[in-house]
Amino acid sequence: MGRLEALIWDVDGTLAETERDGHRVAFNRAFEEAGLAWRWDDAHYAELLRITGGRERLLHDMSRRSDAPVPAGEREALARAIHRRKNAIYADLVASGCIALRDGVQGLMQECRERGVWMGIATTTSRANVDALLRVHLGERWREGFAAIVCGEDVQRKKPDPEVYVQALRALGVGALQAVAIEDSPGGVVAARGADIPVIVTRSAYFANASIEGALAIGPGLHQRQGWSPALPVAPGAAGPVTLDDILDWLAQRETVSQFM
């Protein structure tokens, strides 16, 4: 097995529960400010998450509303205005400390730094949203910790298309099998696997029970060793986080299985 050179992070749902605690809340406030009666509850937003990208999600929802503008140009203009205001509200929510990083994320990031494993970001959210989140939690110089940052503005096709991961690999200068992606959703897994990158899944609130295929490992979060498949060794009474060594073990298990196929 070759050396693990890079860990590539998704953002929304993976680094933080941004969809539940940030984007949905911000969209609803933007609707209210615009004098619109639209509100996205948890159930409806979970369905909308099948559409990648906030503006695309909004346009999809508007196409099914009788009270949305009919002309395509007007609908697009309204979507852009609402999405722009939503992003500003989201940034305020993040700055106020309302959206925490998921447990275990900072610990694994620190282990990457200590062991010389590069980190990248591959997300279809906006660069402004990524900056708002990580500036609060990692500091003003957060970008220095990542060798590649690929966001929604950098790609023509959003997840589940693999373009964002192809670009991340190119920026990192590593091969697909020298990296591991961390995702939370079925579409994210399809995107990573489309670029031939092994991917582990830390299930988020909106994808807690989603059917996911092709992942290296699937579990409830990086903060705990229980509940993962393939299972992690857990000492009696121990409750530690997922580590780089665990990821390497999952990779080794996959290679062992491949040799006998």
Foldseek 3Di string as FASTA:
>chain_A
DDAQAEEEEEPDQFFWVCLVQFLLVLLQVLCVVVVHPDHADPVNSLVLVVDADDLRSQLVVLVPDPPADDDPVRNSVVSVVSVVSSLVRRLVCLLVVRIHTDPQPVVQLVQCVVVNHAYEYQYAYDPSNVCSNCCNVPNPPSCVRHQYYFYNVNDPDHFVAQVSVVVRCVSSVDQQDSYEYEEADQRVQSNSVNSVHAYEHQHGDSCPPPDHPDHLKYANHQAFQPGMVVHDDDDVPDTGGHYPVNVVVSSVVVVVVVVVD
